[in-house]
C-alpha atoms as a PDB file:
ATOM      1  CA  MET A   1      -9.869 -89.468  14.218  1.00  0.00           C
ATOM      2  CA  ILE A   2     -13.055 -91.380  13.456  1.00  0.00           C
ATOM      3  CA  ASN A   3     -15.892 -89.084  12.440  1.00  0.00           C
ATOM      4  CA  LEU A   4     -19.602 -89.849  12.481  1.00  0.00           C
ATOM      5  CA  ASN A   5     -19.899 -89.694   8.683  1.00  0.00           C
ATOM      6  CA  GLN A   6     -17.310 -92.453   8.288  1.00  0.00           C
ATOM      7  CA  LEU A   7     -18.906 -94.509  11.030  1.00  0.00           C
ATOM      8  CA  ARG A   8     -22.406 -94.021   9.622  1.00  0.00           C
ATOM      9  CA  ALA A   9     -21.262 -95.128   6.144  1.00  0.00           C
ATOM     10  CA  PHE A  10     -19.624 -98.220   7.647  1.00  0.00           C
ATOM     11  CA  TYR A  11     -22.705 -98.972   9.776  1.00  0.00           C
ATOM     12  CA  SER A  12     -25.068 -98.605   6.819  1.00  0.00           C
ATOM     13  CA  VAL A  13     -22.981-100.885   4.580  1.00  0.00           C
ATOM     14  CA  ALA A  14     -22.775-103.464   7.367  1.00  0.00           C
ATOM     15  CA  LYS A  15     -26.570-103.468   7.742  1.00  0.00           C
ATOM     16  CA  SER A  16     -27.460-103.454   4.026  1.00  0.00           C
ATOM     17  CA  ARG A  17     -24.435-105.577   2.910  1.00  0.00           C
ATOM     18  CA  THR A  18     -23.958-103.531  -0.293  1.00  0.00           C
ATOM     19  CA  PHE A  19     -22.559-100.089  -1.073  1.00  0.00           C
ATOM     20  CA  SER A  20     -25.442 -99.331  -3.429  1.00  0.00           C
ATOM     21  CA  GLU A  21     -28.143 -99.993  -0.803  1.00  0.00           C
ATOM     22  CA  ALA A  22     -26.205 -98.060   1.808  1.00  0.00           C
ATOM     23  CA  ALA A  23     -25.926 -95.106  -0.571  1.00  0.00           C
ATOM     24  CA  LYS A  24     -29.710 -95.111  -1.119  1.00  0.00           C
ATOM     25  CA  LYS A  25     -30.424 -95.123   2.615  1.00  0.00           C
ATOM     26  CA  LEU A  26     -27.962 -92.309   3.229  1.00  0.00           C
ATOM     27  CA  SER A  27     -29.159 -90.328   0.174  1.00  0.00           C
ATOM     28  CA  VAL A  28     -25.613 -90.006  -1.185  1.00  0.00           C
ATOM     29  CA  THR A  29     -23.718 -91.495  -4.120  1.00  0.00           C
ATOM     30  CA  GLN A  30     -22.147 -94.934  -3.992  1.00  0.00           C
ATOM     31  CA  PRO A  31     -18.596 -93.545  -4.480  1.00  0.00           C
ATOM     32  CA  ALA A  32     -19.165 -91.228  -1.502  1.00  0.00           C
ATOM     33  CA  VAL A  33     -19.982 -94.214   0.729  1.00  0.00           C
ATOM     34  CA  LEU A  34     -16.971 -96.123  -0.582  1.00  0.00           C
ATOM     35  CA  ILE A  35     -14.657 -93.177   0.126  1.00  0.00           C
ATOM     36  CA  GLN A  36     -15.900 -92.893   3.727  1.00  0.00           C
ATOM     37  CA  VAL A  37     -15.436 -96.623   4.404  1.00  0.00           C
ATOM     38  CA  ARG A  38     -11.977 -96.727   2.816  1.00  0.00           C
ATOM     39  CA  SER A  39     -10.938 -93.635   4.819  1.00  0.00           C
ATOM     40  CA  LEU A  40     -12.049 -95.360   8.006  1.00  0.00           C
ATOM     41  CA  GLU A  41     -10.101 -98.513   7.121  1.00  0.00           C
ATOM     42  CA  ARG A  42      -6.956 -96.473   6.365  1.00  0.00           C
ATOM     43  CA  TYR A  43      -7.256 -94.647   9.691  1.00  0.00           C
ATOM     44  CA  LEU A  44      -7.649 -97.920  11.605  1.00  0.00           C
ATOM     45  CA  GLY A  45      -5.082 -99.763   9.492  1.00  0.00           C
ATOM     46  CA  LEU A  46      -7.473-102.700   9.316  1.00  0.00           C
ATOM     47  CA  GLN A  47      -9.867-104.228   6.805  1.00  0.00           C
ATOM     48  CA  LEU A  48     -13.503-104.066   7.905  1.00  0.00           C
ATOM     49  CA  PHE A  49     -15.227-105.934   5.052  1.00  0.00           C
ATOM     50  CA  ASP A  50     -14.648-108.978   2.878  1.00  0.00           C
ATOM     51  CA  LYS A  51     -16.395-109.112  -0.501  1.00  0.00           C
ATOM     52  CA  LEU A  52     -18.223-112.409  -0.957  1.00  0.00           C
ATOM     53  CA  GLY A  53     -20.050-112.406  -4.261  1.00  0.00           C
ATOM     54  CA  LYS A  54     -22.254-109.291  -4.286  1.00  0.00           C
ATOM     55  CA  ASP A  55     -22.280-108.961  -0.496  1.00  0.00           C
ATOM     56  CA  MET A  56     -19.976-107.018   1.793  1.00  0.00           C
ATOM     57  CA  VAL A  57     -19.382-109.216   4.846  1.00  0.00           C
ATOM     58  CA  LEU A  58     -17.875-107.962   8.078  1.00  0.00           C
ATOM     59  CA  THR A  59     -14.446-109.186   9.100  1.00  0.00           C
ATOM     60  CA  GLU A  60     -13.867-110.077  12.762  1.00  0.00           C
ATOM     61  CA  THR A  61     -12.568-106.541  13.314  1.00  0.00           C
ATOM     62  CA  GLY A  62     -15.584-105.183  11.449  1.00  0.00           C
ATOM     63  CA  LYS A  63     -17.931-107.138  13.719  1.00  0.00           C
ATOM     64  CA  LEU A  64     -16.228-105.641  16.770  1.00  0.00           C
ATOM     65  CA  LEU A  65     -16.571-102.110  15.402  1.00  0.00           C
ATOM     66  CA  TYR A  66     -20.177-102.764  14.364  1.00  0.00           C
ATOM     67  CA  GLY A  67     -21.160-103.484  17.985  1.00  0.00           C
ATOM     68  CA  TYR A  68     -19.798-100.125  19.103  1.00  0.00           C
ATOM     69  CA  ALA A  69     -21.288 -98.305  16.110  1.00  0.00           C
ATOM     70  CA  GLU A  70     -24.709 -99.733  16.933  1.00  0.00           C
ATOM     71  CA  LYS A  71     -24.450 -98.443  20.516  1.00  0.00           C
ATOM     72  CA  ILE A  72     -23.324 -95.022  19.287  1.00  0.00           C
ATOM     73  CA  PHE A  73     -26.189 -94.584  16.836  1.00  0.00           C
ATOM     74  CA  ASN A  74     -28.728 -95.853  19.359  1.00  0.00           C
ATOM     75  CA  LEU A  75     -27.465 -93.120  21.698  1.00  0.00           C
ATOM     76  CA  VAL A  76     -27.718 -90.577  18.883  1.00  0.00           C
ATOM     77  CA  ASP A  77     -31.348 -91.588  18.338  1.00  0.00           C
ATOM     78  CA  GLU A  78     -32.027 -91.346  22.084  1.00  0.00           C
ATOM     79  CA  ALA A  79     -30.456 -87.890  22.176  1.00  0.00           C
ATOM     80  CA  LYS A  80     -32.630 -86.720  19.279  1.00  0.00           C
ATOM     81  CA  LYS A  81     -35.721 -88.067  21.012  1.00  0.00           C
ATOM     82  CA  ALA A  82     -34.796 -86.443  24.334  1.00  0.00           C
ATOM     83  CA  ILE A  83     -34.173 -83.068  22.695  1.00  0.00           C
ATOM     84  CA  LYS A  84     -37.467 -83.289  20.825  1.00  0.00           C
ATOM     85  CA  GLU A  85     -39.312 -84.122  24.045  1.00  0.00           C
ATOM     86  CA  ALA A  86     -37.551 -81.293  25.878  1.00  0.00           C
ATOM     87  CA  GLY A  87     -39.171 -78.882  23.443  1.00  0.00           C
ATOM     88  CA  ASP A  88     -42.552 -80.569  23.681  1.00  0.00           C
ATOM     89  CA  VAL A  89     -44.797 -79.775  26.643  1.00  0.00           C
ATOM     90  CA  LYS A  90     -46.637 -83.045  26.038  1.00  0.00           C
ATOM     91  CA  SER A  91     -43.826 -84.811  27.869  1.00  0.00           C
ATOM     92  CA  GLY A  92     -40.740 -84.113  29.956  1.00  0.00           C
ATOM     93  CA  ASP A  93     -39.815 -83.727  33.615  1.00  0.00           C
ATOM     94  CA  LEU A  94     -41.179 -81.055  35.956  1.00  0.00           C
ATOM     95  CA  ARG A  95     -39.251 -80.391  39.170  1.00  0.00           C
ATOM     96  CA  VAL A  96     -41.080 -78.215  41.676  1.00  0.00           C
ATOM     97  CA  GLY A  97     -40.334 -77.226  45.253  1.00  0.00           C
ATOM     98  CA  THR A  98     -43.083 -76.390  47.710  1.00  0.00           C
ATOM     99  CA  THR A  99     -43.615 -75.901  51.416  1.00  0.00           C
ATOM    100  CA  ASN A 100     -44.563 -78.850  53.595  1.00  0.00           C
ATOM    101  CA  ILE A 101     -48.056 -77.448  54.175  1.00  0.00           C
ATOM    102  CA  LEU A 102     -48.715 -76.701  50.501  1.00  0.00           C
ATOM    103  CA  SER A 103     -47.327 -80.110  49.548  1.00  0.00           C
ATOM    104  CA  GLU A 104     -49.792 -81.895  51.799  1.00  0.00           C
ATOM    105  CA  TYR A 105     -52.950 -79.799  51.460  1.00  0.00           C
ATOM    106  CA  PHE A 106     -52.638 -77.853  48.205  1.00  0.00           C
ATOM    107  CA  MET A 107     -50.380 -79.531  45.667  1.00  0.00           C
ATOM    108  CA  PRO A 108     -52.166 -82.916  45.371  1.00  0.00           C
ATOM    109  CA  THR A 109     -55.201 -81.234  43.813  1.00  0.00           C
ATOM    110  CA  VAL A 110     -53.138 -78.828  41.700  1.00  0.00           C
ATOM    111  CA  VAL A 111     -50.812 -81.513  40.340  1.00  0.00           C
ATOM    112  CA  THR A 112     -53.752 -83.829  39.637  1.00  0.00           C
ATOM    113  CA  VAL A 113     -55.565 -81.233  37.520  1.00  0.00           C
ATOM    114  CA  PHE A 114     -52.332 -80.264  35.718  1.00  0.00           C
ATOM    115  CA  HIS A 115     -51.575 -83.929  35.049  1.00  0.00           C
ATOM    116  CA  ASP A 116     -55.058 -84.439  33.597  1.00  0.00           C
ATOM    117  CA  HIS A 117     -54.054 -81.981  30.860  1.00  0.00           C
ATOM    118  CA  HIS A 118     -50.417 -83.131  30.552  1.00  0.00           C
ATOM    119  CA  PRO A 119     -50.447 -86.866  31.397  1.00  0.00           C
ATOM    120  CA  LYS A 120     -46.952 -87.591  30.049  1.00  0.00           C
ATOM    121  CA  VAL A 121     -45.208 -84.947  32.160  1.00  0.00           C
ATOM    122  CA  GLN A 122     -43.410 -86.558  35.103  1.00  0.00           C
ATOM    123  CA  VAL A 123     -43.681 -84.409  38.234  1.00  0.00           C
ATOM    124  CA  TYR A 124     -40.972 -84.455  40.917  1.00  0.00           C
ATOM    125  CA  LEU A 125     -41.925 -82.621  44.112  1.00  0.00           C
ATOM    126  CA  ASP A 126     -39.467 -81.483  46.790  1.00  0.00           C
ATOM    127  CA  GLU A 127     -40.520 -80.152  50.193  1.00  0.00           C
ATOM    128  CA  GLY A 128     -39.004 -77.675  52.614  1.00  0.00           C
ATOM    129  CA  ASN A 129     -39.719 -74.441  54.408  1.00  0.00           C
ATOM    130  CA  SER A 130     -39.765 -71.241  52.373  1.00  0.00           C
ATOM    131  CA  ARG A 131     -36.149 -70.324  53.088  1.00  0.00           C
ATOM    132  CA  GLU A 132     -34.936 -73.810  52.205  1.00  0.00           C
ATOM    133  CA  LEU A 133     -36.844 -73.630  48.929  1.00  0.00           C
ATOM    134  CA  VAL A 134     -35.168 -70.348  48.007  1.00  0.00           C
ATOM    135  CA  GLU A 135     -31.809 -72.072  48.532  1.00  0.00           C
ATOM    136  CA  GLY A 136     -33.034 -75.004  46.436  1.00  0.00           C
ATOM    137  CA  ILE A 137     -33.859 -72.716  43.513  1.00  0.00           C
ATOM    138  CA  LEU A 138     -30.431 -71.062  43.769  1.00  0.00           C
ATOM    139  CA  ALA A 139     -28.828 -74.522  43.751  1.00  0.00           C
ATOM    140  CA  ARG A 140     -30.927 -75.412  40.671  1.00  0.00           C
ATOM    141  CA  ASN A 141     -32.493 -78.383  42.450  1.00  0.00           C
ATOM    142  CA  TYR A 142     -35.794 -77.471  40.771  1.00  0.00           C
ATOM    143  CA  GLU A 143     -37.017 -74.870  38.295  1.00  0.00           C
ATOM    144  CA  LEU A 144     -40.002 -73.506  40.204  1.00  0.00           C
ATOM    145  CA  ALA A 145     -41.028 -73.291  43.831  1.00  0.00           C
ATOM    146  CA  ILE A 146     -44.241 -72.194  45.523  1.00  0.00           C
ATOM    147  CA  VAL A 147     -43.451 -70.498  48.819  1.00  0.00           C
ATOM    148  CA  GLY A 148     -44.769 -68.200  51.470  1.00  0.00           C
ATOM    149  CA  THR A 149     -43.277 -64.750  50.924  1.00  0.00           C
ATOM    150  CA  VAL A 150     -39.825 -64.295  52.473  1.00  0.00           C
ATOM    151  CA  ALA A 151     -36.822 -62.117  51.596  1.00  0.00           C
ATOM    152  CA  TYR A 152     -35.486 -62.995  48.130  1.00  0.00           C
ATOM    153  CA  PRO A 153     -32.025 -62.429  46.621  1.00  0.00           C
ATOM    154  CA  ASP A 154     -31.663 -60.164  43.573  1.00  0.00           C
ATOM    155  CA  THR A 155     -31.168 -63.204  41.334  1.00  0.00           C
ATOM    156  CA  MET A 156     -34.683 -64.464  42.090  1.00  0.00           C
ATOM    157  CA  GLU A 157     -37.882 -63.758  40.178  1.00  0.00           C
ATOM    158  CA  HIS A 158     -41.003 -63.883  42.338  1.00  0.00           C
ATOM    159  CA  VAL A 159     -44.541 -63.790  40.976  1.00  0.00           C
ATOM    160  CA  PRO A 160     -47.437 -63.142  43.389  1.00  0.00           C
ATOM    161  CA  PHE A 161     -49.732 -66.150  43.350  1.00  0.00           C
ATOM    162  CA  GLY A 162     -52.233 -65.764  46.148  1.00  0.00           C
ATOM    163  CA  ARG A 163     -52.956 -65.235  49.814  1.00  0.00           C
ATOM    164  CA  GLU A 164     -53.674 -67.611  52.630  1.00  0.00           C
ATOM    165  CA  GLU A 165     -55.518 -66.667  55.792  1.00  0.00           C
ATOM    166  CA  LEU A 166     -53.582 -67.274  58.978  1.00  0.00           C
ATOM    167  CA  VAL A 167     -55.865 -68.593  61.719  1.00  0.00           C
ATOM    168  CA  LEU A 168     -55.318 -69.187  65.417  1.00  0.00           C
ATOM    169  CA  VAL A 169     -56.457 -72.679  66.371  1.00  0.00           C
ATOM    170  CA  ALA A 170     -57.069 -74.154  69.807  1.00  0.00           C
ATOM    171  CA  SER A 171     -58.751 -77.169  71.345  1.00  0.00           C
ATOM    172  CA  PRO A 172     -62.550 -76.688  71.441  1.00  0.00           C
ATOM    173  CA  VAL A 173     -62.479 -77.573  75.165  1.00  0.00           C
ATOM    174  CA  SER A 174     -59.697 -75.124  76.066  1.00  0.00           C
ATOM    175  CA  LYS A 175     -60.389 -71.743  77.660  1.00  0.00           C
ATOM    176  CA  LEU A 176     -59.836 -70.001  74.332  1.00  0.00           C
ATOM    177  CA  GLY A 177     -61.846 -72.669  72.538  1.00  0.00           C
ATOM    178  CA  LEU A 178     -64.821 -71.978  74.752  1.00  0.00           C
ATOM    179  CA  VAL A 179     -64.794 -68.184  74.292  1.00  0.00           C
ATOM    180  CA  ARG A 180     -63.579 -68.253  70.637  1.00  0.00           C
ATOM    181  CA  LYS A 181     -62.142 -64.728  70.845  1.00  0.00           C
ATOM    182  CA  CYS A 182     -59.006 -63.017  72.159  1.00  0.00           C
ATOM    183  CA  SER A 183     -56.427 -60.318  71.488  1.00  0.00           C
ATOM    184  CA  LEU A 184     -52.749 -60.937  70.800  1.00  0.00           C
ATOM    185  CA  SER A 185     -51.904 -59.572  74.239  1.00  0.00           C
ATOM    186  CA  ASN A 186     -54.061 -62.320  75.779  1.00  0.00           C
ATOM    187  CA  LEU A 187     -51.723 -64.890  74.210  1.00  0.00           C
ATOM    188  CA  GLU A 188     -48.518 -63.814  75.965  1.00  0.00           C
ATOM    189  CA  GLY A 189     -48.774 -66.556  78.586  1.00  0.00           C
ATOM    190  CA  VAL A 190     -50.484 -69.175  76.435  1.00  0.00           C
ATOM    191  CA  PRO A 191     -48.272 -72.107  75.262  1.00  0.00           C
ATOM    192  CA  MET A 192     -47.602 -71.550  71.554  1.00  0.00           C
ATOM    193  CA  ILE A 193     -46.601 -74.276  69.098  1.00  0.00           C
ATOM    194  CA  TRP A 194     -44.955 -72.966  65.924  1.00  0.00           C
ATOM    195  CA  ARG A 195     -44.062 -74.166  62.520  1.00  0.00           C
ATOM    196  CA  ASN A 196     -40.255 -74.037  62.320  1.00  0.00           C
ATOM    197  CA  MET A 197     -38.722 -70.590  62.020  1.00  0.00           C
ATOM    198  CA  GLY A 198     -37.872 -70.928  58.341  1.00  0.00           C
ATOM    199  CA  SER A 199     -41.594 -71.081  57.680  1.00  0.00           C
ATOM    200  CA  ALA A 200     -43.412 -68.098  56.174  1.00  0.00           C
ATOM    201  CA  THR A 201     -46.466 -69.111  58.227  1.00  0.00           C
ATOM    202  CA  ALA A 202     -44.613 -68.712  61.512  1.00  0.00           C
ATOM    203  CA  GLN A 203     -42.839 -65.549  60.380  1.00  0.00           C
ATOM    204  CA  ALA A 204     -46.095 -63.864  59.365  1.00  0.00           C
ATOM    205  CA  ALA A 205     -47.623 -64.528  62.788  1.00  0.00           C
ATOM    206  CA  LEU A 206     -44.476 -63.505  64.670  1.00  0.00           C
ATOM    207  CA  ASN A 207     -44.441 -60.231  62.749  1.00  0.00           C
ATOM    208  CA  GLU A 208     -47.864 -59.408  64.197  1.00  0.00           C
ATOM    209  CA  PHE A 209     -46.535 -59.923  67.730  1.00  0.00           C
ATOM    210  CA  GLU A 210     -43.417 -57.857  67.013  1.00  0.00           C
ATOM    211  CA  LYS A 211     -45.459 -54.946  65.631  1.00  0.00           C
ATOM    212  CA  ARG A 212     -47.107 -54.680  69.046  1.00  0.00           C
ATOM    213  CA  ASN A 213     -43.955 -55.352  71.109  1.00  0.00           C
ATOM    214  CA  LEU A 214     -45.406 -58.632  72.342  1.00  0.00           C
ATOM    215  CA  THR A 215     -43.498 -61.850  73.027  1.00  0.00           C
ATOM    216  CA  PRO A 216     -45.345 -65.152  72.557  1.00  0.00           C
ATOM    217  CA  PHE A 217     -44.764 -68.024  74.983  1.00  0.00           C
ATOM    218  CA  THR A 218     -43.130 -70.571  72.669  1.00  0.00           C
ATOM    219  CA  ILE A 219     -42.968 -74.184  73.849  1.00  0.00           C
ATOM    220  CA  MET A 220     -42.199 -75.981  70.590  1.00  0.00           C
ATOM    221  CA  GLN A 221     -41.184 -75.618  66.934  1.00  0.00           C
ATOM    222  CA  THR A 222     -41.616 -78.352  64.334  1.00  0.00           C
ATOM    223  CA  LYS A 223     -41.936 -78.941  60.589  1.00  0.00           C
ATOM    224  CA  ASN A 224     -44.712 -81.466  61.135  1.00  0.00           C
ATOM    225  CA  THR A 225     -48.108 -79.799  60.745  1.00  0.00           C
ATOM    226  CA  GLU A 226     -50.031 -82.944  61.692  1.00  0.00           C
ATOM    227  CA  PHE A 227     -48.038 -83.123  64.920  1.00  0.00           C
ATOM    228  CA  ILE A 228     -48.965 -79.507  65.711  1.00  0.00           C
ATOM    229  CA  LYS A 229     -52.661 -80.142  65.076  1.00  0.00           C
ATOM    230  CA  ASN A 230     -52.562 -83.264  67.221  1.00  0.00           C
ATOM    231  CA  LEU A 231     -51.026 -81.409  70.176  1.00  0.00           C
ATOM    232  CA  VAL A 232     -53.431 -78.485  69.830  1.00  0.00           C
ATOM    233  CA  ALA A 233     -56.417 -80.870  69.743  1.00  0.00           C
ATOM    234  CA  ARG A 234     -55.111 -82.354  73.013  1.00  0.00           C
ATOM    235  CA  ASP A 235     -55.045 -78.859  74.537  1.00  0.00           C
ATOM    236  CA  ARG A 236     -51.250 -78.763  74.826  1.00  0.00           C
ATOM    237  CA  GLY A 237     -51.058 -75.317  73.259  1.00  0.00           C
ATOM    238  CA  VAL A 238     -52.345 -73.129  70.434  1.00  0.00           C
ATOM    239  CA  SER A 239     -50.943 -72.404  67.000  1.00  0.00           C
ATOM    240  CA  PHE A 240     -51.203 -70.092  64.004  1.00  0.00           C
ATOM    241  CA  LEU A 241     -51.656 -72.153  60.843  1.00  0.00           C
ATOM    242  CA  GLY A 242     -52.839 -71.648  57.283  1.00  0.00           C
ATOM    243  CA  LYS A 243     -56.602 -71.996  57.078  1.00  0.00           C
ATOM    244  CA  THR A 244     -56.450 -74.553  54.272  1.00  0.00           C
ATOM    245  CA  CYS A 245     -54.645 -77.144  56.386  1.00  0.00           C
ATOM    246  CA  VAL A 246     -57.153 -77.085  59.281  1.00  0.00           C
ATOM    247  CA  LEU A 247     -60.484 -77.077  57.414  1.00  0.00           C
ATOM    248  CA  GLU A 248     -61.159 -80.789  57.958  1.00  0.00           C
ATOM    249  CA  GLU A 249     -60.352 -80.670  61.679  1.00  0.00           C
ATOM    250  CA  ILE A 250     -62.606 -77.645  62.106  1.00  0.00           C
ATOM    251  CA  ASP A 251     -65.457 -79.429  60.314  1.00  0.00           C
ATOM    252  CA  ARG A 252     -64.997 -82.480  62.547  1.00  0.00           C
ATOM    253  CA  GLY A 253     -64.959 -80.335  65.676  1.00  0.00           C
ATOM    254  CA  GLU A 254     -61.416 -81.341  66.595  1.00  0.00           C
ATOM    255  CA  LEU A 255     -60.052 -77.789  66.386  1.00  0.00           C
ATOM    256  CA  ALA A 256     -61.608 -74.393  66.980  1.00  0.00           C
ATOM    257  CA  VAL A 257     -60.702 -71.161  65.199  1.00  0.00           C
ATOM    258  CA  ILE A 258     -60.157 -68.304  67.637  1.00  0.00           C
ATOM    259  CA  GLU A 259     -61.076 -64.851  66.368  1.00  0.00           C
ATOM    260  CA  VAL A 260     -58.157 -62.497  67.012  1.00  0.00           C
ATOM    261  CA  GLU A 261     -59.231 -58.899  67.590  1.00  0.00           C
ATOM    262  CA  GLU A 262     -56.296 -57.484  65.626  1.00  0.00           C
ATOM    263  CA  GLY A 263     -56.978 -59.809  62.679  1.00  0.00           C
ATOM    264  CA  PRO A 264     -57.681 -61.163  60.218  1.00  0.00           C
ATOM    265  CA  PHE A 265     -54.095 -62.012  59.264  1.00  0.00           C
ATOM    266  CA  PHE A 266     -52.823 -63.233  55.912  1.00  0.00           C
ATOM    267  CA  PHE A 267     -49.556 -64.296  54.357  1.00  0.00           C
ATOM    268  CA  ASP A 268     -48.709 -64.033  50.678  1.00  0.00           C
ATOM    269  CA  ILE A 269     -47.716 -66.929  48.455  1.00  0.00           C
ATOM    270  CA  ASP A 270     -45.286 -66.509  45.559  1.00  0.00           C
ATOM    271  CA  ILE A 271     -43.999 -68.584  42.678  1.00  0.00           C
ATOM    272  CA  ILE A 272     -40.228 -68.228  42.432  1.00  0.00           C
ATOM    273  CA  TYR A 273     -37.571 -69.113  39.855  1.00  0.00           C
ATOM    274  CA  LEU A 274     -34.124 -67.932  38.814  1.00  0.00           C
ATOM    275  CA  LYS A 275     -33.973 -64.573  37.074  1.00  0.00           C
ATOM    276  CA  GLY A 276     -32.891 -64.904  33.453  1.00  0.00           C
ATOM    277  CA  LYS A 277     -33.381 -68.681  33.353  1.00  0.00           C
ATOM    278  CA  THR A 278     -35.249 -70.155  30.402  1.00  0.00           C
ATOM    279  CA  LEU A 279     -37.842 -72.497  31.859  1.00  0.00           C
ATOM    280  CA  SER A 280     -38.371 -75.916  30.323  1.00  0.00           C
ATOM    281  CA  PRO A 281     -41.633 -76.341  28.379  1.00  0.00           C
ATOM    282  CA  ALA A 282     -43.082 -78.403  31.252  1.00  0.00           C
ATOM    283  CA  ALA A 283     -42.161 -75.775  33.871  1.00  0.00           C
ATOM    284  CA  SER A 284     -43.429 -72.962  31.656  1.00  0.00           C
ATOM    285  CA  ALA A 285     -46.736 -74.787  31.143  1.00  0.00           C
ATOM    286  CA  PHE A 286     -47.089 -75.352  34.900  1.00  0.00           C
ATOM    287  CA  LEU A 287     -46.362 -71.694  35.655  1.00  0.00           C
ATOM    288  CA  ASN A 288     -48.951 -70.539  33.109  1.00  0.00           C
ATOM    289  CA  PHE A 289     -51.455 -73.053  34.495  1.00  0.00           C
ATOM    290  CA  LEU A 290     -51.049 -71.660  38.015  1.00  0.00           C
ATOM    291  CA  LEU A 291     -51.254 -68.030  36.934  1.00  0.00           C
ATOM    292  CA  LYS A 292     -54.304 -68.569  34.733  1.00  0.00           C
ATOM    293  CA  SER A 293     -56.060 -70.502  37.474  1.00  0.00           C
ATOM    294  CA  GLY A 294     -55.235 -67.844  40.056  1.00  0.00           C
ATOM    295  CA  SER A 295     -55.759 -67.995  43.805  1.00  0.00           C
ATOM    296  CA  ALA A 296     -56.252 -64.372  44.783  1.00  0.00           C
ATOM    297  CA  GLU A 297     -59.515 -65.400  46.468  1.00  0.00           C
ATOM    298  CA  GLY A 298     -57.622 -67.659  48.903  1.00  0.00           C
ATOM    299  CA  LEU A 299     -56.285 -71.188  48.730  1.00  0.00           C
ATOM    300  CA  ASP A 300     -59.444 -72.806  50.079  1.00  0.00           C
ATOM    301  CA  ARG A 301     -61.573 -71.340  47.261  1.00  0.00           C
ATOM    302  CA  PHE A 302     -58.830 -72.056  44.745  1.00  0.00           C
ATOM    303  CA  LEU A 303     -58.896 -75.730  45.720  1.00  0.00           C
ATOM    304  CA  THR A 304     -62.682 -75.810  45.410  1.00  0.00           C
ATOM    305  CA  LYS A 305     -62.343 -74.453  41.873  1.00  0.00           C
ATOM    306  CA  MET A 306     -59.598 -76.970  41.045  1.00  0.00           C
ATOM    307  CA  ASN A 307     -61.716 -79.858  42.303  1.00  0.00           C
ATOM    308  CA  LYS A 308     -64.569 -78.751  40.050  1.00  0.00           C
ATOM    309  CA  LYS A 309     -62.163 -78.814  37.093  1.00  0.00           C
ATOM    310  CA  ARG A 310     -61.039 -82.267  38.148  1.00  0.00           C
ATOM    311  CA  LEU A 311     -64.607 -83.559  38.235  1.00  0.00           C
ATOM    312  CA  ALA A 312     -65.295 -81.977  34.842  1.00  0.00           C
ATOM    313  CA  VAL A 313     -62.362 -83.895  33.338  1.00  0.00           C
ATOM    314  CA  VAL A 314     -63.418 -87.163  34.971  1.00  0.00           C
END
């Protein structure tokens, strides 16, 4: 069997063309290099060098082996570099899962500020509803996920991250939009457009109906938040959504927030990862960044704080 010591001795002699120079580069004695090369030649049953004057010149077989040795030691160098980078938070890959809503309205600011401090970390973001993200963590598709609170398996660590207010939105010209106030019982006959049922947003609102033995009038479920807002603005129904994702439409007068007598309602947001898993330096740095920044005051205020940090860096 060829071992790396034999191959490295051969490779070094081939590059330096003398046993003495190869020995210096390898920090070993000249006889040690000679022994390794001769052992390799005996194993292969072939001569790898011709001696021309003071130089060791590769035979045709030696040239063939040299090409493979060069590839092998380039890979060894790449492996060393990759392992070094894996232990260095200054670089590396960060794979994160997040809900569709958080991905669109929350993560751009968060990732931007994190990247300002860790510019060589490559961020890969996957989207899904909260239940899909739990499955993604279990499948090791990503190290961390930021989700609305759902039921977690025993193998999952979940760290409370913050709360998001759940608001009822309607068209400003609708009946509810004109009065701006209602009770949950008033909504039983009102067309309701939901985020899909794997969503923590939808589940949190449905729980409020179930607590009061009420059944909402559901006309549609979808993953697409922009589609929901568009339909609501056209007075095709109402919806419960996270406050952060409707702030711009409220400011522009396209949507109206309806005060619900039983409210206000909130849903919790967690950071999840596999129990017992050692996080990569990049994932560990991102987790610490989120926890130190904190969002207990609500995602809208958290984003305001993040944007101030962004401006300070710029």
